[in-house]
Amino acid sequence: QGKNTTIGRDKENPVVLADISISRRHAELLPGPDGIYIRDLESSNGVLVNRTRIDNPYRLSHGDRITIGNVIIYFVDQRPQYGAVAPGASSPPASHKQCSRCGSENSSMARFCQMCAAPL
């Protein structure tokens, strides 16, 4: 188990997002027995996961879209079942998904288009 990690505008946070739409201490990542959770720290603009505002700690899944203020982050689960490469192994070739709505290329692990936010 790791430690809790705060996200916000303040330089004291382990993860600093320098955007005026983000509170000084906006959100917190919490390790749990079954994964990583995110919770809002009573921020002004809230935390959205997959475009839904969260009120309680929310367990993140691989590819979840996290919106903190005006910043969008995608959660990448690096546990082996989600494609992390074992030490000494070579990485698989990068692949992309094409958005059926706008045609832009996206990461193979993305669940939403980076250009138009359509589900992939």
N, C-alpha and C. Protein backbone atom coordinates (compact mmCIF):
# COMPACT_ATOMS: atom_id res chain seq x y z
N GLN A 1 0.84 -1.19 0.00
CA GLN A 1 0.00 0.00 0.00
C GLN A 1 0.88 1.24 0.00
N GLY A 2 0.51 2.23 -0.79
CA GLY A 2 1.23 3.49 -0.85
C GLY A 2 0.62 4.49 0.09
N LYS A 3 0.95 5.74 -0.14
CA LYS A 3 0.41 6.80 0.71
C LYS A 3 -0.56 7.67 -0.09
N ASN A 4 -1.35 8.44 0.63
CA ASN A 4 -2.28 9.36 -0.01
C ASN A 4 -1.50 10.45 -0.76
N THR A 5 -2.03 10.89 -1.90
CA THR A 5 -1.38 11.89 -2.73
C THR A 5 -2.37 13.00 -3.03
N THR A 6 -2.06 14.23 -2.63
CA THR A 6 -2.95 15.34 -2.91
C THR A 6 -2.60 15.98 -4.25
N ILE A 7 -3.64 16.53 -4.87
CA ILE A 7 -3.53 17.21 -6.17
C ILE A 7 -4.10 18.61 -5.99
N GLY A 8 -3.40 19.60 -6.48
CA GLY A 8 -3.92 20.96 -6.39
C GLY A 8 -2.94 21.99 -6.93
N ARG A 9 -3.30 23.25 -6.77
CA ARG A 9 -2.50 24.37 -7.26
C ARG A 9 -1.32 24.69 -6.35
N ASP A 10 -1.46 24.40 -5.05
CA ASP A 10 -0.42 24.71 -4.07
C ASP A 10 0.85 23.89 -4.34
N LYS A 11 2.00 24.53 -4.23
CA LYS A 11 3.28 23.86 -4.49
C LYS A 11 3.61 22.78 -3.48
N GLU A 12 2.90 22.73 -2.36
CA GLU A 12 3.12 21.71 -1.33
C GLU A 12 2.52 20.36 -1.72
N ASN A 13 1.64 20.32 -2.71
CA ASN A 13 1.04 19.06 -3.16
C ASN A 13 2.07 18.24 -3.93
N PRO A 14 2.04 16.92 -3.79
CA PRO A 14 2.92 16.08 -4.61
C PRO A 14 2.60 16.22 -6.11
N VAL A 15 1.33 16.45 -6.45
CA VAL A 15 0.94 16.68 -7.84
C VAL A 15 0.41 18.11 -7.93
N VAL A 16 1.14 18.96 -8.64
CA VAL A 16 0.78 20.38 -8.78
C VAL A 16 0.23 20.61 -10.17
N LEU A 17 -0.99 21.17 -10.24
CA LEU A 17 -1.62 21.56 -11.50
C LEU A 17 -1.82 23.07 -11.44
N ALA A 18 -0.99 23.80 -12.18
CA ALA A 18 -0.99 25.26 -12.12
C ALA A 18 -2.04 25.84 -13.04
N ASP A 19 -3.28 25.76 -12.62
CA ASP A 19 -4.40 26.30 -13.40
C ASP A 19 -5.34 26.99 -12.42
N ILE A 20 -5.81 28.17 -12.75
CA ILE A 20 -6.66 28.97 -11.86
C ILE A 20 -7.98 28.26 -11.52
N SER A 21 -8.41 27.32 -12.36
CA SER A 21 -9.66 26.59 -12.11
C SER A 21 -9.51 25.50 -11.05
N ILE A 22 -8.29 25.31 -10.58
CA ILE A 22 -8.00 24.24 -9.62
C ILE A 22 -7.76 24.86 -8.25
N SER A 23 -8.37 24.26 -7.22
CA SER A 23 -8.21 24.73 -5.85
C SER A 23 -6.81 24.42 -5.34
N ARG A 24 -6.41 25.10 -4.27
CA ARG A 24 -5.08 24.87 -3.70
C ARG A 24 -4.88 23.40 -3.34
N ARG A 25 -5.86 22.82 -2.69
CA ARG A 25 -5.89 21.37 -2.40
C ARG A 25 -7.21 20.88 -2.97
N HIS A 26 -7.17 20.34 -4.16
CA HIS A 26 -8.39 20.05 -4.92
C HIS A 26 -8.89 18.62 -4.72
N ALA A 27 -7.99 17.65 -4.82
CA ALA A 27 -8.39 16.24 -4.77
C ALA A 27 -7.29 15.43 -4.11
N GLU A 28 -7.65 14.18 -3.78
CA GLU A 28 -6.68 13.29 -3.15
C GLU A 28 -6.82 11.90 -3.75
N LEU A 29 -5.68 11.28 -4.05
CA LEU A 29 -5.64 9.88 -4.48
C LEU A 29 -5.35 9.03 -3.26
N LEU A 30 -6.15 7.97 -3.08
CA LEU A 30 -6.04 7.12 -1.90
C LEU A 30 -5.84 5.67 -2.33
N PRO A 31 -4.77 5.01 -1.89
CA PRO A 31 -4.64 3.59 -2.21
C PRO A 31 -5.61 2.78 -1.36
N GLY A 32 -6.23 1.79 -1.96
CA GLY A 32 -7.15 0.91 -1.25
C GLY A 32 -6.79 -0.54 -1.54
N PRO A 33 -7.41 -1.47 -0.85
CA PRO A 33 -7.08 -2.88 -1.06
C PRO A 33 -7.42 -3.38 -2.47
N ASP A 34 -8.34 -2.70 -3.14
CA ASP A 34 -8.77 -3.15 -4.47
C ASP A 34 -8.48 -2.13 -5.56
N GLY A 35 -7.60 -1.16 -5.29
CA GLY A 35 -7.27 -0.19 -6.32
C GLY A 35 -7.04 1.20 -5.75
N ILE A 36 -7.02 2.18 -6.64
CA ILE A 36 -6.79 3.57 -6.28
C ILE A 36 -8.13 4.31 -6.29
N TYR A 37 -8.34 5.11 -5.26
CA TYR A 37 -9.56 5.92 -5.14
C TYR A 37 -9.19 7.39 -5.29
N ILE A 38 -10.14 8.19 -5.75
CA ILE A 38 -9.98 9.64 -5.79
C ILE A 38 -11.13 10.26 -5.02
N ARG A 39 -10.83 11.34 -4.30
CA ARG A 39 -11.90 12.06 -3.60
C ARG A 39 -11.67 13.55 -3.73
N ASP A 40 -12.77 14.27 -3.75
CA ASP A 40 -12.76 15.73 -3.83
C ASP A 40 -12.48 16.27 -2.43
N LEU A 41 -11.62 17.26 -2.33
CA LEU A 41 -11.31 17.88 -1.04
C LEU A 41 -12.09 19.18 -0.87
N GLU A 42 -13.40 19.11 -1.14
CA GLU A 42 -14.30 20.26 -1.03
C GLU A 42 -13.82 21.43 -1.89
N SER A 43 -13.41 21.10 -3.11
CA SER A 43 -12.91 22.11 -4.04
C SER A 43 -14.06 22.95 -4.59
N SER A 44 -13.71 24.09 -5.16
CA SER A 44 -14.73 24.97 -5.74
C SER A 44 -15.40 24.36 -6.96
N ASN A 45 -14.62 23.73 -7.84
CA ASN A 45 -15.15 23.21 -9.10
C ASN A 45 -15.40 21.71 -9.11
N GLY A 46 -15.10 21.03 -8.01
CA GLY A 46 -15.38 19.61 -7.92
C GLY A 46 -14.44 18.74 -8.74
N VAL A 47 -14.68 17.44 -8.66
CA VAL A 47 -13.94 16.43 -9.42
C VAL A 47 -14.96 15.62 -10.20
N LEU A 48 -14.71 15.44 -11.49
CA LEU A 48 -15.57 14.62 -12.32
C LEU A 48 -14.80 13.39 -12.78
N VAL A 49 -15.46 12.25 -12.75
CA VAL A 49 -14.89 11.03 -13.32
C VAL A 49 -15.85 10.58 -14.40
N ASN A 50 -15.34 10.49 -15.62
CA ASN A 50 -16.16 10.15 -16.79
C ASN A 50 -17.38 11.07 -16.89
N ARG A 51 -17.11 12.36 -16.67
CA ARG A 51 -18.11 13.44 -16.80
C ARG A 51 -19.18 13.46 -15.71
N THR A 52 -19.00 12.69 -14.65
CA THR A 52 -19.95 12.66 -13.54
C THR A 52 -19.25 13.16 -12.28
N ARG A 53 -19.86 14.15 -11.63
CA ARG A 53 -19.28 14.70 -10.41
C ARG A 53 -19.32 13.65 -9.31
N ILE A 54 -18.21 13.52 -8.58
CA ILE A 54 -18.16 12.54 -7.49
C ILE A 54 -18.37 13.25 -6.16
N ASP A 55 -19.06 12.57 -5.24
CA ASP A 55 -19.31 13.11 -3.91
C ASP A 55 -18.56 12.34 -2.84
N ASN A 56 -18.24 11.08 -3.12
CA ASN A 56 -17.57 10.20 -2.18
C ASN A 56 -16.31 9.66 -2.84
N PRO A 57 -15.40 9.05 -2.07
CA PRO A 57 -14.25 8.42 -2.73
C PRO A 57 -14.72 7.47 -3.83
N TYR A 58 -14.09 7.56 -4.98
CA TYR A 58 -14.49 6.80 -6.17
C TYR A 58 -13.32 5.93 -6.60
N ARG A 59 -13.57 4.62 -6.75
CA ARG A 59 -12.50 3.71 -7.19
C ARG A 59 -12.28 3.88 -8.68
N LEU A 60 -11.05 4.21 -9.05
CA LEU A 60 -10.72 4.45 -10.45
C LEU A 60 -10.50 3.15 -11.19
N SER A 61 -10.88 3.14 -12.45
CA SER A 61 -10.66 2.01 -13.35
C SER A 61 -9.76 2.46 -14.49
N HIS A 62 -9.04 1.53 -15.06
CA HIS A 62 -8.12 1.81 -16.16
C HIS A 62 -8.84 2.60 -17.26
N GLY A 63 -8.28 3.74 -17.65
CA GLY A 63 -8.85 4.55 -18.71
C GLY A 63 -9.86 5.59 -18.27
N ASP A 64 -10.17 5.65 -16.96
CA ASP A 64 -11.13 6.66 -16.49
C ASP A 64 -10.64 8.07 -16.83
N ARG A 65 -11.58 8.92 -17.21
CA ARG A 65 -11.31 10.32 -17.53
C ARG A 65 -11.61 11.13 -16.27
N ILE A 66 -10.59 11.79 -15.72
CA ILE A 66 -10.72 12.58 -14.51
C ILE A 66 -10.63 14.05 -14.89
N THR A 67 -11.63 14.84 -14.49
CA THR A 67 -11.60 16.27 -14.75
C THR A 67 -11.44 17.00 -13.43
N ILE A 68 -10.35 17.76 -13.33
CA ILE A 68 -10.05 18.55 -12.14
C ILE A 68 -9.95 19.99 -12.63
N GLY A 69 -10.94 20.81 -12.30
CA GLY A 69 -10.99 22.16 -12.86
C GLY A 69 -11.10 22.06 -14.38
N ASN A 70 -10.20 22.73 -15.09
CA ASN A 70 -10.20 22.66 -16.56
C ASN A 70 -9.21 21.63 -17.10
N VAL A 71 -8.61 20.84 -16.21
CA VAL A 71 -7.59 19.87 -16.61
C VAL A 71 -8.20 18.48 -16.68
N ILE A 72 -7.90 17.77 -17.77
CA ILE A 72 -8.38 16.40 -17.96
C ILE A 72 -7.19 15.46 -17.86
N ILE A 73 -7.34 14.43 -17.04
CA ILE A 73 -6.31 13.43 -16.82
C ILE A 73 -6.93 12.06 -17.07
N TYR A 74 -6.19 11.15 -17.67
CA TYR A 74 -6.67 9.78 -17.84
C TYR A 74 -5.91 8.88 -16.88
N PHE A 75 -6.66 8.05 -16.15
CA PHE A 75 -6.06 7.13 -15.19
C PHE A 75 -5.54 5.90 -15.93
N VAL A 76 -4.27 5.59 -15.73
CA VAL A 76 -3.66 4.41 -16.34
C VAL A 76 -3.27 3.47 -15.21
N ASP A 77 -3.92 2.32 -15.17
CA ASP A 77 -3.62 1.30 -14.16
C ASP A 77 -2.44 0.49 -14.67
N GLN A 78 -1.34 0.51 -13.94
CA GLN A 78 -0.13 -0.16 -14.40
C GLN A 78 0.06 -1.54 -13.81
N ARG A 79 -0.96 -2.08 -13.18
CA ARG A 79 -0.85 -3.45 -12.70
C ARG A 79 -0.77 -4.39 -13.90
N PRO A 80 -0.12 -5.55 -13.77
CA PRO A 80 0.12 -6.44 -14.91
C PRO A 80 -1.11 -6.78 -15.75
N GLN A 81 -2.27 -6.96 -15.14
CA GLN A 81 -3.46 -7.32 -15.92
C GLN A 81 -3.91 -6.21 -16.85
N TYR A 82 -3.34 -5.00 -16.70
CA TYR A 82 -3.72 -3.89 -17.56
C TYR A 82 -2.63 -3.50 -18.53
N GLY A 83 -1.70 -4.40 -18.78
CA GLY A 83 -0.73 -4.18 -19.84
C GLY A 83 0.60 -3.60 -19.41
N ALA A 84 0.89 -3.51 -18.11
CA ALA A 84 2.21 -3.05 -17.72
C ALA A 84 3.23 -4.09 -18.16
N VAL A 85 4.39 -3.64 -18.54
CA VAL A 85 5.42 -4.54 -19.05
C VAL A 85 6.30 -5.01 -17.90
N ALA A 86 6.50 -6.31 -17.81
CA ALA A 86 7.35 -6.87 -16.77
C ALA A 86 8.80 -6.45 -17.01
N PRO A 87 9.60 -6.32 -15.93
CA PRO A 87 11.00 -5.95 -16.11
C PRO A 87 11.70 -6.91 -17.07
N GLY A 88 12.48 -6.38 -17.98
CA GLY A 88 13.20 -7.22 -18.94
C GLY A 88 12.41 -7.54 -20.19
N ALA A 89 11.12 -7.31 -20.19
CA ALA A 89 10.29 -7.60 -21.37
C ALA A 89 10.28 -6.37 -22.27
N SER A 90 10.03 -6.60 -23.53
CA SER A 90 9.96 -5.46 -24.45
C SER A 90 8.53 -4.95 -24.51
N SER A 91 8.39 -3.68 -24.78
CA SER A 91 7.07 -3.07 -24.87
C SER A 91 6.40 -3.48 -26.17
N PRO A 92 5.08 -3.69 -26.14
CA PRO A 92 4.38 -3.97 -27.39
C PRO A 92 4.36 -2.71 -28.25
N PRO A 93 4.23 -2.86 -29.56
CA PRO A 93 4.19 -1.67 -30.40
C PRO A 93 2.99 -0.80 -30.03
N ALA A 94 3.19 0.50 -30.11
CA ALA A 94 2.10 1.43 -29.78
C ALA A 94 0.98 1.28 -30.80
N SER A 95 -0.24 1.26 -30.32
CA SER A 95 -1.38 1.20 -31.23
C SER A 95 -2.34 2.32 -30.87
N HIS A 96 -3.18 2.65 -31.79
CA HIS A 96 -4.10 3.76 -31.61
C HIS A 96 -5.51 3.34 -31.96
N LYS A 97 -6.46 4.10 -31.43
CA LYS A 97 -7.87 3.94 -31.80
C LYS A 97 -8.26 5.18 -32.57
N GLN A 98 -9.04 4.98 -33.62
CA GLN A 98 -9.53 6.13 -34.37
C GLN A 98 -10.95 6.43 -33.92
N CYS A 99 -11.23 7.69 -33.67
CA CYS A 99 -12.56 8.11 -33.25
C CYS A 99 -13.52 8.03 -34.43
N SER A 100 -14.65 7.37 -34.22
CA SER A 100 -15.63 7.24 -35.30
C SER A 100 -16.38 8.55 -35.54
N ARG A 101 -16.38 9.46 -34.56
CA ARG A 101 -17.07 10.74 -34.72
C ARG A 101 -16.23 11.76 -35.48
N CYS A 102 -14.96 11.99 -35.03
CA CYS A 102 -14.16 13.05 -35.64
C CYS A 102 -12.95 12.55 -36.43
N GLY A 103 -12.63 11.25 -36.29
CA GLY A 103 -11.54 10.67 -37.06
C GLY A 103 -10.15 10.83 -36.46
N SER A 104 -10.02 11.49 -35.31
CA SER A 104 -8.69 11.68 -34.73
C SER A 104 -8.18 10.39 -34.10
N GLU A 105 -6.84 10.26 -34.05
CA GLU A 105 -6.23 9.08 -33.44
C GLU A 105 -6.06 9.31 -31.95
N ASN A 106 -6.32 8.26 -31.18
CA ASN A 106 -6.23 8.31 -29.73
C ASN A 106 -5.40 7.14 -29.24
N SER A 107 -4.90 7.24 -28.03
CA SER A 107 -4.16 6.16 -27.41
C SER A 107 -5.03 4.90 -27.36
N SER A 108 -4.39 3.75 -27.47
CA SER A 108 -5.14 2.49 -27.45
C SER A 108 -5.84 2.27 -26.12
N MET A 109 -5.39 2.93 -25.05
CA MET A 109 -6.03 2.74 -23.75
C MET A 109 -7.07 3.80 -23.43
N ALA A 110 -7.24 4.78 -24.29
CA ALA A 110 -8.22 5.84 -24.05
C ALA A 110 -9.64 5.30 -24.18
N ARG A 111 -10.52 5.80 -23.34
CA ARG A 111 -11.94 5.42 -23.42
C ARG A 111 -12.77 6.51 -24.06
N PHE A 112 -12.19 7.73 -24.16
CA PHE A 112 -12.87 8.87 -24.75
C PHE A 112 -11.91 9.56 -25.71
N CYS A 113 -12.44 10.12 -26.78
CA CYS A 113 -11.63 10.84 -27.77
C CYS A 113 -11.04 12.10 -27.14
N GLN A 114 -9.76 12.33 -27.39
CA GLN A 114 -9.10 13.51 -26.84
C GLN A 114 -9.53 14.80 -27.54
N MET A 115 -10.07 14.70 -28.75
CA MET A 115 -10.48 15.89 -29.49
C MET A 115 -11.95 16.26 -29.26
N CYS A 116 -12.84 15.25 -29.33
CA CYS A 116 -14.27 15.57 -29.25
C CYS A 116 -14.97 14.93 -28.05
N ALA A 117 -14.24 14.14 -27.25
CA ALA A 117 -14.75 13.50 -26.03
C ALA A 117 -15.78 12.41 -26.28
N ALA A 118 -15.90 11.95 -27.52
CA ALA A 118 -16.83 10.85 -27.82
C ALA A 118 -16.29 9.56 -27.23
N PRO A 119 -17.17 8.66 -26.76
CA PRO A 119 -16.69 7.36 -26.28
C PRO A 119 -16.02 6.59 -27.42
N LEU A 120 -14.93 5.89 -27.09
CA LEU A 120 -14.22 5.11 -28.11
C LEU A 120 -14.64 3.65 -28.04
